Amino acid sequence: MRYKHHFVDKKSVVAGVSRSCLMYLCCVSNAYENMSREELVTQNQQLHFSVAQLRAELNQIKRLIYGSKSERFVPSNSSSQSVGIGS
């Protein structure tokens, strides 16, 4: 098997990868092989858009956690404002 321009044994490539993960990768690989070029381009654009959205969301969460005090979410310690789960 050729992997990243190096010849490696199949067993060393799949070592540590779960069987269900390998089955999923095979199914995804087969699905992409059956797609036309236009479908692949559309799928690629959708995936790039999803990645951009997730990066923006991650940056917003990082700002909430690690940002300056004006950007950070600081929960109040007031017991009168706390809401219990299931209440």
PDB file of N, CA and C in Angstrom:
ATOM      1  N   MET A   1       0.850  -1.185   0.000  1.00  0.00           N
ATOM      2  CA  MET A   1       0.000   0.000   0.000  1.00  0.00           C
ATOM      3  C   MET A   1       0.883   1.231   0.000  1.00  0.00           C
ATOM      4  N   ARG A   2       0.546   2.186  -0.824  1.00  0.00           N
ATOM      5  CA  ARG A   2       1.322   3.415  -0.906  1.00  0.00           C
ATOM      6  C   ARG A   2       0.594   4.501  -0.115  1.00  0.00           C
ATOM      7  N   TYR A   3       1.308   5.166   0.780  1.00  0.00           N
ATOM      8  CA  TYR A   3       0.708   6.186   1.636  1.00  0.00           C
ATOM      9  C   TYR A   3       1.672   7.339   1.764  1.00  0.00           C
ATOM     10  N   LYS A   4       1.266   8.508   1.292  1.00  0.00           N
ATOM     11  CA  LYS A   4       2.091   9.713   1.343  1.00  0.00           C
ATOM     12  C   LYS A   4       3.484   9.469   0.770  1.00  0.00           C
ATOM     13  N   HIS A   5       3.506   8.860  -0.399  1.00  0.00           N
ATOM     14  CA  HIS A   5       4.739   8.624  -1.148  1.00  0.00           C
ATOM     15  C   HIS A   5       5.704   7.681  -0.443  1.00  0.00           C
ATOM     16  N   HIS A   6       5.236   6.897   0.500  1.00  0.00           N
ATOM     17  CA  HIS A   6       6.056   5.901   1.166  1.00  0.00           C
ATOM     18  C   HIS A   6       5.311   4.580   1.125  1.00  0.00           C
ATOM     19  N   PHE A   7       6.034   3.523   0.985  1.00  0.00           N
ATOM     20  CA  PHE A   7       5.412   2.217   1.021  1.00  0.00           C
ATOM     21  C   PHE A   7       5.368   1.736   2.462  1.00  0.00           C
ATOM     22  N   VAL A   8       4.162   1.376   2.906  1.00  0.00           N
ATOM     23  CA  VAL A   8       3.995   0.886   4.273  1.00  0.00           C
ATOM     24  C   VAL A   8       3.099  -0.339   4.256  1.00  0.00           C
ATOM     25  N   ASP A   9       3.223  -1.108   5.270  1.00  0.00           N
ATOM     26  CA  ASP A   9       2.407  -2.292   5.444  1.00  0.00           C
ATOM     27  C   ASP A   9       0.993  -1.868   5.837  1.00  0.00           C
ATOM     28  N   LYS A  10      -0.031  -2.540   5.281  1.00  0.00           N
ATOM     29  CA  LYS A  10      -1.422  -2.211   5.618  1.00  0.00           C
ATOM     30  C   LYS A  10      -1.671  -2.304   7.114  1.00  0.00           C
ATOM     31  N   LYS A  11      -1.094  -3.304   7.764  1.00  0.00           N
ATOM     32  CA  LYS A  11      -1.325  -3.495   9.196  1.00  0.00           C
ATOM     33  C   LYS A  11      -0.828  -2.308  10.002  1.00  0.00           C
ATOM     34  N   SER A  12       0.261  -1.693   9.584  1.00  0.00           N
ATOM     35  CA  SER A  12       0.774  -0.548  10.338  1.00  0.00           C
ATOM     36  C   SER A  12      -0.104   0.684  10.138  1.00  0.00           C
ATOM     37  N   VAL A  13      -0.790   0.772   8.994  1.00  0.00           N
ATOM     38  CA  VAL A  13      -1.673   1.917   8.737  1.00  0.00           C
ATOM     39  C   VAL A  13      -2.933   1.815   9.577  1.00  0.00           C
ATOM     40  N   VAL A  14      -3.485   0.615   9.687  1.00  0.00           N
ATOM     41  CA  VAL A  14      -4.752   0.454  10.391  1.00  0.00           C
ATOM     42  C   VAL A  14      -4.573   0.132  11.871  1.00  0.00           C
ATOM     43  N   ALA A  15      -3.359   0.013  12.334  1.00  0.00           N
ATOM     44  CA  ALA A  15      -3.130  -0.286  13.746  1.00  0.00           C
ATOM     45  C   ALA A  15      -3.703   0.829  14.610  1.00  0.00           C
ATOM     46  N   GLY A  16      -4.497   0.482  15.589  1.00  0.00           N
ATOM     47  CA  GLY A  16      -5.063   1.460  16.510  1.00  0.00           C
ATOM     48  C   GLY A  16      -6.343   2.103  16.024  1.00  0.00           C
ATOM     49  N   VAL A  17      -6.796   1.762  14.829  1.00  0.00           N
ATOM     50  CA  VAL A  17      -8.031   2.342  14.304  1.00  0.00           C
ATOM     51  C   VAL A  17      -9.143   1.319  14.516  1.00  0.00           C
ATOM     52  N   SER A  18     -10.247   1.766  15.080  1.00  0.00           N
ATOM     53  CA  SER A  18     -11.341   0.839  15.378  1.00  0.00           C
ATOM     54  C   SER A  18     -11.974   0.320  14.097  1.00  0.00           C
ATOM     55  N   ARG A  19     -12.573  -0.841  14.198  1.00  0.00           N
ATOM     56  CA  ARG A  19     -13.219  -1.475  13.046  1.00  0.00           C
ATOM     57  C   ARG A  19     -14.356  -0.611  12.511  1.00  0.00           C
ATOM     58  N   SER A  20     -15.149  -0.023  13.402  1.00  0.00           N
ATOM     59  CA  SER A  20     -16.274   0.817  12.951  1.00  0.00           C
ATOM     60  C   SER A  20     -15.776   2.054  12.230  1.00  0.00           C
ATOM     61  N   CYS A  21     -14.644   2.594  12.677  1.00  0.00           N
ATOM     62  CA  CYS A  21     -14.068   3.754  12.014  1.00  0.00           C
ATOM     63  C   CYS A  21     -13.605   3.385  10.603  1.00  0.00           C
ATOM     64  N   LEU A  22     -12.998   2.226  10.461  1.00  0.00           N
ATOM     65  CA  LEU A  22     -12.560   1.767   9.143  1.00  0.00           C
ATOM     66  C   LEU A  22     -13.745   1.531   8.216  1.00  0.00           C
ATOM     67  N   MET A  23     -14.811   0.962   8.757  1.00  0.00           N
ATOM     68  CA  MET A  23     -16.011   0.725   7.947  1.00  0.00           C
ATOM     69  C   MET A  23     -16.601   2.047   7.476  1.00  0.00           C
ATOM     70  N   TYR A  24     -16.635   3.037   8.361  1.00  0.00           N
ATOM     71  CA  TYR A  24     -17.145   4.351   7.992  1.00  0.00           C
ATOM     72  C   TYR A  24     -16.302   4.959   6.884  1.00  0.00           C
ATOM     73  N   LEU A  25     -14.983   4.890   7.027  1.00  0.00           N
ATOM     74  CA  LEU A  25     -14.100   5.460   6.012  1.00  0.00           C
ATOM     75  C   LEU A  25     -14.270   4.769   4.674  1.00  0.00           C
ATOM     76  N   CYS A  26     -14.475   3.469   4.673  1.00  0.00           N
ATOM     77  CA  CYS A  26     -14.703   2.741   3.422  1.00  0.00           C
ATOM     78  C   CYS A  26     -16.003   3.190   2.768  1.00  0.00           C
ATOM     79  N   CYS A  27     -17.052   3.362   3.564  1.00  0.00           N
ATOM     80  CA  CYS A  27     -18.344   3.801   3.025  1.00  0.00           C
ATOM     81  C   CYS A  27     -18.244   5.202   2.446  1.00  0.00           C
ATOM     82  N   VAL A  28     -17.571   6.097   3.157  1.00  0.00           N
ATOM     83  CA  VAL A  28     -17.413   7.473   2.686  1.00  0.00           C
ATOM     84  C   VAL A  28     -16.592   7.482   1.405  1.00  0.00           C
ATOM     85  N   SER A  29     -15.531   6.703   1.387  1.00  0.00           N
ATOM     86  CA  SER A  29     -14.681   6.623   0.213  1.00  0.00           C
ATOM     87  C   SER A  29     -15.474   6.131  -0.998  1.00  0.00           C
ATOM     88  N   ASN A  30     -16.285   5.088  -0.804  1.00  0.00           N
ATOM     89  CA  ASN A  30     -17.107   4.563  -1.888  1.00  0.00           C
ATOM     90  C   ASN A  30     -18.137   5.585  -2.352  1.00  0.00           C
ATOM     91  N   ALA A  31     -18.699   6.332  -1.429  1.00  0.00           N
ATOM     92  CA  ALA A  31     -19.697   7.339  -1.791  1.00  0.00           C
ATOM     93  C   ALA A  31     -19.079   8.423  -2.655  1.00  0.00           C
ATOM     94  N   TYR A  32     -17.876   8.860  -2.318  1.00  0.00           N
ATOM     95  CA  TYR A  32     -17.225   9.905  -3.102  1.00  0.00           C
ATOM     96  C   TYR A  32     -16.783   9.394  -4.465  1.00  0.00           C
ATOM     97  N   GLU A  33     -16.450   8.128  -4.570  1.00  0.00           N
ATOM     98  CA  GLU A  33     -16.055   7.564  -5.858  1.00  0.00           C
ATOM     99  C   GLU A  33     -17.215   7.561  -6.834  1.00  0.00           C
ATOM    100  N   ASN A  34     -18.440   7.483  -6.340  1.00  0.00           N
ATOM    101  CA  ASN A  34     -19.623   7.429  -7.194  1.00  0.00           C
ATOM    102  C   ASN A  34     -20.190   8.801  -7.526  1.00  0.00           C
ATOM    103  N   MET A  35     -19.582   9.864  -7.002  1.00  0.00           N
ATOM    104  CA  MET A  35     -20.090  11.211  -7.243  1.00  0.00           C
ATOM    105  C   MET A  35     -19.443  11.820  -8.482  1.00  0.00           C
ATOM    106  N   SER A  36     -20.204  12.666  -9.163  1.00  0.00           N
ATOM    107  CA  SER A  36     -19.655  13.371 -10.325  1.00  0.00           C
ATOM    108  C   SER A  36     -18.752  14.505  -9.839  1.00  0.00           C
ATOM    109  N   ARG A  37     -18.011  15.081 -10.757  1.00  0.00           N
ATOM    110  CA  ARG A  37     -17.103  16.177 -10.405  1.00  0.00           C
ATOM    111  C   ARG A  37     -17.884  17.361  -9.844  1.00  0.00           C
ATOM    112  N   GLU A  38     -19.022  17.674 -10.446  1.00  0.00           N
ATOM    113  CA  GLU A  38     -19.838  18.798  -9.978  1.00  0.00           C
ATOM    114  C   GLU A  38     -20.340  18.564  -8.558  1.00  0.00           C
ATOM    115  N   GLU A  39     -20.754  17.332  -8.285  1.00  0.00           N
ATOM    116  CA  GLU A  39     -21.210  17.008  -6.937  1.00  0.00           C
ATOM    117  C   GLU A  39     -20.075  17.115  -5.925  1.00  0.00           C
ATOM    118  N   LEU A  40     -18.893  16.685  -6.332  1.00  0.00           N
ATOM    119  CA  LEU A  40     -17.731  16.789  -5.439  1.00  0.00           C
ATOM    120  C   LEU A  40     -17.369  18.247  -5.174  1.00  0.00           C
ATOM    121  N   VAL A  41     -17.457  19.088  -6.203  1.00  0.00           N
ATOM    122  CA  VAL A  41     -17.160  20.514  -6.030  1.00  0.00           C
ATOM    123  C   VAL A  41     -18.173  21.141  -5.080  1.00  0.00           C
ATOM    124  N   THR A  42     -19.448  20.820  -5.260  1.00  0.00           N
ATOM    125  CA  THR A  42     -20.495  21.340  -4.375  1.00  0.00           C
ATOM    126  C   THR A  42     -20.279  20.875  -2.945  1.00  0.00           C
ATOM    127  N   GLN A  43     -19.965  19.589  -2.778  1.00  0.00           N
ATOM    128  CA  GLN A  43     -19.705  19.039  -1.442  1.00  0.00           C
ATOM    129  C   GLN A  43     -18.510  19.738  -0.801  1.00  0.00           C
ATOM    130  N   ASN A  44     -17.468  19.967  -1.588  1.00  0.00           N
ATOM    131  CA  ASN A  44     -16.274  20.643  -1.094  1.00  0.00           C
ATOM    132  C   ASN A  44     -16.605  22.058  -0.633  1.00  0.00           C
ATOM    133  N   GLN A  45     -17.403  22.777  -1.404  1.00  0.00           N
ATOM    134  CA  GLN A  45     -17.791  24.141  -1.026  1.00  0.00           C
ATOM    135  C   GLN A  45     -18.607  24.134   0.266  1.00  0.00           C
ATOM    136  N   GLN A  46     -19.519  23.169   0.403  1.00  0.00           N
ATOM    137  CA  GLN A  46     -20.319  23.071   1.617  1.00  0.00           C
ATOM    138  C   GLN A  46     -19.444  22.772   2.832  1.00  0.00           C
ATOM    139  N   LEU A  47     -18.467  21.904   2.649  1.00  0.00           N
ATOM    140  CA  LEU A  47     -17.575  21.569   3.756  1.00  0.00           C
ATOM    141  C   LEU A  47     -16.709  22.764   4.145  1.00  0.00           C
ATOM    142  N   HIS A  48     -16.225  23.517   3.161  1.00  0.00           N
ATOM    143  CA  HIS A  48     -15.441  24.722   3.468  1.00  0.00           C
ATOM    144  C   HIS A  48     -16.286  25.742   4.222  1.00  0.00           C
ATOM    145  N   PHE A  49     -17.560  25.879   3.835  1.00  0.00           N
ATOM    146  CA  PHE A  49     -18.457  26.796   4.524  1.00  0.00           C
ATOM    147  C   PHE A  49     -18.682  26.348   5.962  1.00  0.00           C
ATOM    148  N   SER A  50     -18.884  25.037   6.155  1.00  0.00           N
ATOM    149  CA  SER A  50     -19.083  24.504   7.509  1.00  0.00           C
ATOM    150  C   SER A  50     -17.851  24.726   8.380  1.00  0.00           C
ATOM    151  N   VAL A  51     -16.673  24.524   7.811  1.00  0.00           N
ATOM    152  CA  VAL A  51     -15.437  24.736   8.554  1.00  0.00           C
ATOM    153  C   VAL A  51     -15.312  26.202   8.950  1.00  0.00           C
ATOM    154  N   ALA A  52     -15.648  27.111   8.038  1.00  0.00           N
ATOM    155  CA  ALA A  52     -15.573  28.543   8.346  1.00  0.00           C
ATOM    156  C   ALA A  52     -16.538  28.906   9.477  1.00  0.00           C
ATOM    157  N   GLN A  53     -17.745  28.345   9.441  1.00  0.00           N
ATOM    158  CA  GLN A  53     -18.721  28.611  10.506  1.00  0.00           C
ATOM    159  C   GLN A  53     -18.217  28.085  11.844  1.00  0.00           C
ATOM    160  N   LEU A  54     -17.675  26.882  11.847  1.00  0.00           N
ATOM    161  CA  LEU A  54     -17.186  26.288  13.094  1.00  0.00           C
ATOM    162  C   LEU A  54     -15.988  27.053  13.646  1.00  0.00           C
ATOM    163  N   ARG A  55     -15.118  27.542  12.764  1.00  0.00           N
ATOM    164  CA  ARG A  55     -13.977  28.349  13.228  1.00  0.00           C
ATOM    165  C   ARG A  55     -14.451  29.649  13.855  1.00  0.00           C
ATOM    166  N   ALA A  56     -15.460  30.289  13.246  1.00  0.00           N
ATOM    167  CA  ALA A  56     -15.996  31.527  13.799  1.00  0.00           C
ATOM    168  C   ALA A  56     -16.618  31.268  15.165  1.00  0.00           C
ATOM    169  N   GLU A  57     -17.345  30.167  15.283  1.00  0.00           N
ATOM    170  CA  GLU A  57     -17.968  29.808  16.564  1.00  0.00           C
ATOM    171  C   GLU A  57     -16.901  29.517  17.620  1.00  0.00           C
ATOM    172  N   LEU A  58     -15.858  28.808  17.227  1.00  0.00           N
ATOM    173  CA  LEU A  58     -14.773  28.510  18.161  1.00  0.00           C
ATOM    174  C   LEU A  58     -14.085  29.787  18.622  1.00  0.00           C
ATOM    175  N   ASN A  59     -13.841  30.709  17.703  1.00  0.00           N
ATOM    176  CA  ASN A  59     -13.218  31.984  18.074  1.00  0.00           C
ATOM    177  C   ASN A  59     -14.097  32.763  19.048  1.00  0.00           C
ATOM    178  N   GLN A  60     -15.408  32.732  18.834  1.00  0.00           N
ATOM    179  CA  GLN A  60     -16.321  33.423  19.745  1.00  0.00           C
ATOM    180  C   GLN A  60     -16.282  32.786  21.133  1.00  0.00           C
ATOM    181  N   ILE A  61     -16.265  31.463  21.185  1.00  0.00           N
ATOM    182  CA  ILE A  61     -16.202  30.771  22.471  1.00  0.00           C
ATOM    183  C   ILE A  61     -14.884  31.075  23.173  1.00  0.00           C
ATOM    184  N   LYS A  62     -13.781  31.103  22.414  1.00  0.00           N
ATOM    185  CA  LYS A  62     -12.485  31.427  23.006  1.00  0.00           C
ATOM    186  C   LYS A  62     -12.485  32.838  23.580  1.00  0.00           C
ATOM    187  N   ARG A  63     -13.131  33.775  22.863  1.00  0.00           N
ATOM    188  CA  ARG A  63     -13.215  35.150  23.382  1.00  0.00           C
ATOM    189  C   ARG A  63     -14.007  35.185  24.682  1.00  0.00           C
ATOM    190  N   LEU A  64     -15.091  34.392  24.747  1.00  0.00           N
ATOM    191  CA  LEU A  64     -15.896  34.358  25.967  1.00  0.00           C
ATOM    192  C   LEU A  64     -15.117  33.784  27.135  1.00  0.00           C
ATOM    193  N   ILE A  65     -14.279  32.817  26.865  1.00  0.00           N
ATOM    194  CA  ILE A  65     -13.532  32.168  27.948  1.00  0.00           C
ATOM    195  C   ILE A  65     -12.265  32.932  28.296  1.00  0.00           C
ATOM    196  N   TYR A  66     -11.492  33.299  27.278  1.00  0.00           N
ATOM    197  CA  TYR A  66     -10.157  33.856  27.514  1.00  0.00           C
ATOM    198  C   TYR A  66     -10.032  35.344  27.197  1.00  0.00           C
ATOM    199  N   GLY A  67     -11.096  35.985  26.747  1.00  0.00           N
ATOM    200  CA  GLY A  67     -11.018  37.375  26.324  1.00  0.00           C
ATOM    201  C   GLY A  67     -10.816  38.338  27.482  1.00  0.00           C
ATOM    202  N   SER A  68     -10.690  39.615  27.131  1.00  0.00           N
ATOM    203  CA  SER A  68     -10.560  40.630  28.170  1.00  0.00           C
ATOM    204  C   SER A  68     -11.846  40.680  28.986  1.00  0.00           C
ATOM    205  N   LYS A  69     -11.805  41.332  30.131  1.00  0.00           N
ATOM    206  CA  LYS A  69     -12.962  41.331  31.032  1.00  0.00           C
ATOM    207  C   LYS A  69     -14.215  41.893  30.372  1.00  0.00           C
ATOM    208  N   SER A  70     -14.053  42.821  29.457  1.00  0.00           N
ATOM    209  CA  SER A  70     -15.230  43.392  28.793  1.00  0.00           C
ATOM    210  C   SER A  70     -15.857  42.400  27.814  1.00  0.00           C
ATOM    211  N   GLU A  71     -15.082  41.427  27.326  1.00  0.00           N
ATOM    212  CA  GLU A  71     -15.603  40.445  26.379  1.00  0.00           C
ATOM    213  C   GLU A  71     -15.997  39.132  27.058  1.00  0.00           C
ATOM    214  N   ARG A  72     -15.474  38.878  28.238  1.00  0.00           N
ATOM    215  CA  ARG A  72     -15.622  37.593  28.900  1.00  0.00           C
ATOM    216  C   ARG A  72     -16.968  37.456  29.587  1.00  0.00           C
ATOM    217  N   PHE A  73     -17.501  36.250  29.608  1.00  0.00           N
ATOM    218  CA  PHE A  73     -18.723  35.949  30.344  1.00  0.00           C
ATOM    219  C   PHE A  73     -18.340  35.617  31.777  1.00  0.00           C
ATOM    220  N   VAL A  74     -18.883  36.358  32.724  1.00  0.00           N
ATOM    221  CA  VAL A  74     -18.602  36.108  34.129  1.00  0.00           C
ATOM    222  C   VAL A  74     -19.938  35.811  34.801  1.00  0.00           C
ATOM    223  N   PRO A  75     -20.148  34.550  35.224  1.00  0.00           N
ATOM    224  CA  PRO A  75     -21.427  34.211  35.853  1.00  0.00           C
ATOM    225  C   PRO A  75     -21.551  34.883  37.212  1.00  0.00           C
ATOM    226  N   SER A  76     -22.779  35.265  37.534  1.00  0.00           N
ATOM    227  CA  SER A  76     -22.999  35.892  38.839  1.00  0.00           C
ATOM    228  C   SER A  76     -23.024  34.819  39.912  1.00  0.00           C
ATOM    229  N   ASN A  77     -22.595  35.187  41.114  1.00  0.00           N
ATOM    230  CA  ASN A  77     -22.570  34.246  42.236  1.00  0.00           C
ATOM    231  C   ASN A  77     -23.797  34.392  43.124  1.00  0.00           C
ATOM    232  N   SER A  78     -24.735  35.200  42.718  1.00  0.00           N
ATOM    233  CA  SER A  78     -25.932  35.436  43.519  1.00  0.00           C
ATOM    234  C   SER A  78     -26.793  34.177  43.550  1.00  0.00           C
ATOM    235  N   SER A  79     -27.119  33.698  44.741  1.00  0.00           N
ATOM    236  CA  SER A  79     -27.921  32.482  44.875  1.00  0.00           C
ATOM    237  C   SER A  79     -29.369  32.719  44.444  1.00  0.00           C
ATOM    238  N   SER A  80     -29.827  33.954  44.478  1.00  0.00           N
ATOM    239  CA  SER A  80     -31.207  34.243  44.078  1.00  0.00           C
ATOM    240  C   SER A  80     -31.382  34.143  42.570  1.00  0.00           C
ATOM    241  N   GLN A  81     -30.286  34.270  41.817  1.00  0.00           N
ATOM    242  CA  GLN A  81     -30.390  34.224  40.363  1.00  0.00           C
ATOM    243  C   GLN A  81     -30.058  32.844  39.810  1.00  0.00           C
ATOM    244  N   SER A  82     -29.539  31.953  40.635  1.00  0.00           N
ATOM    245  CA  SER A  82     -29.175  30.643  40.115  1.00  0.00           C
ATOM    246  C   SER A  82     -30.422  29.814  39.881  1.00  0.00           C
ATOM    247  N   VAL A  83     -30.397  29.029  38.820  1.00  0.00           N
ATOM    248  CA  VAL A  83     -31.534  28.195  38.444  1.00  0.00           C
ATOM    249  C   VAL A  83     -31.066  26.766  38.459  1.00  0.00           C
ATOM    250  N   GLY A  84     -31.768  25.917  39.170  1.00  0.00           N
ATOM    251  CA  GLY A  84     -31.411  24.515  39.247  1.00  0.00           C
ATOM    252  C   GLY A  84     -31.933  23.762  38.026  1.00  0.00           C
ATOM    253  N   ILE A  85     -31.295  22.662  37.704  1.00  0.00           N
ATOM    254  CA  ILE A  85     -31.739  21.829  36.582  1.00  0.00           C
ATOM    255  C   ILE A  85     -33.017  21.122  36.994  1.00  0.00           C
ATOM    256  N   GLY A  86     -33.973  21.148  36.096  1.00  0.00           N
ATOM    257  CA  GLY A  86     -35.244  20.464  36.350  1.00  0.00           C
ATOM    258  C   GLY A  86     -36.231  21.271  37.160  1.00  0.00           C
ATOM    259  N   SER A  87     -35.911  22.527  37.446  1.00  0.00           N
ATOM    260  CA  SER A  87     -36.872  23.308  38.224  1.00  0.00           C
ATOM    261  C   SER A  87     -37.660  24.242  37.348  1.00  0.00           C
TER     262      SER A  87
END
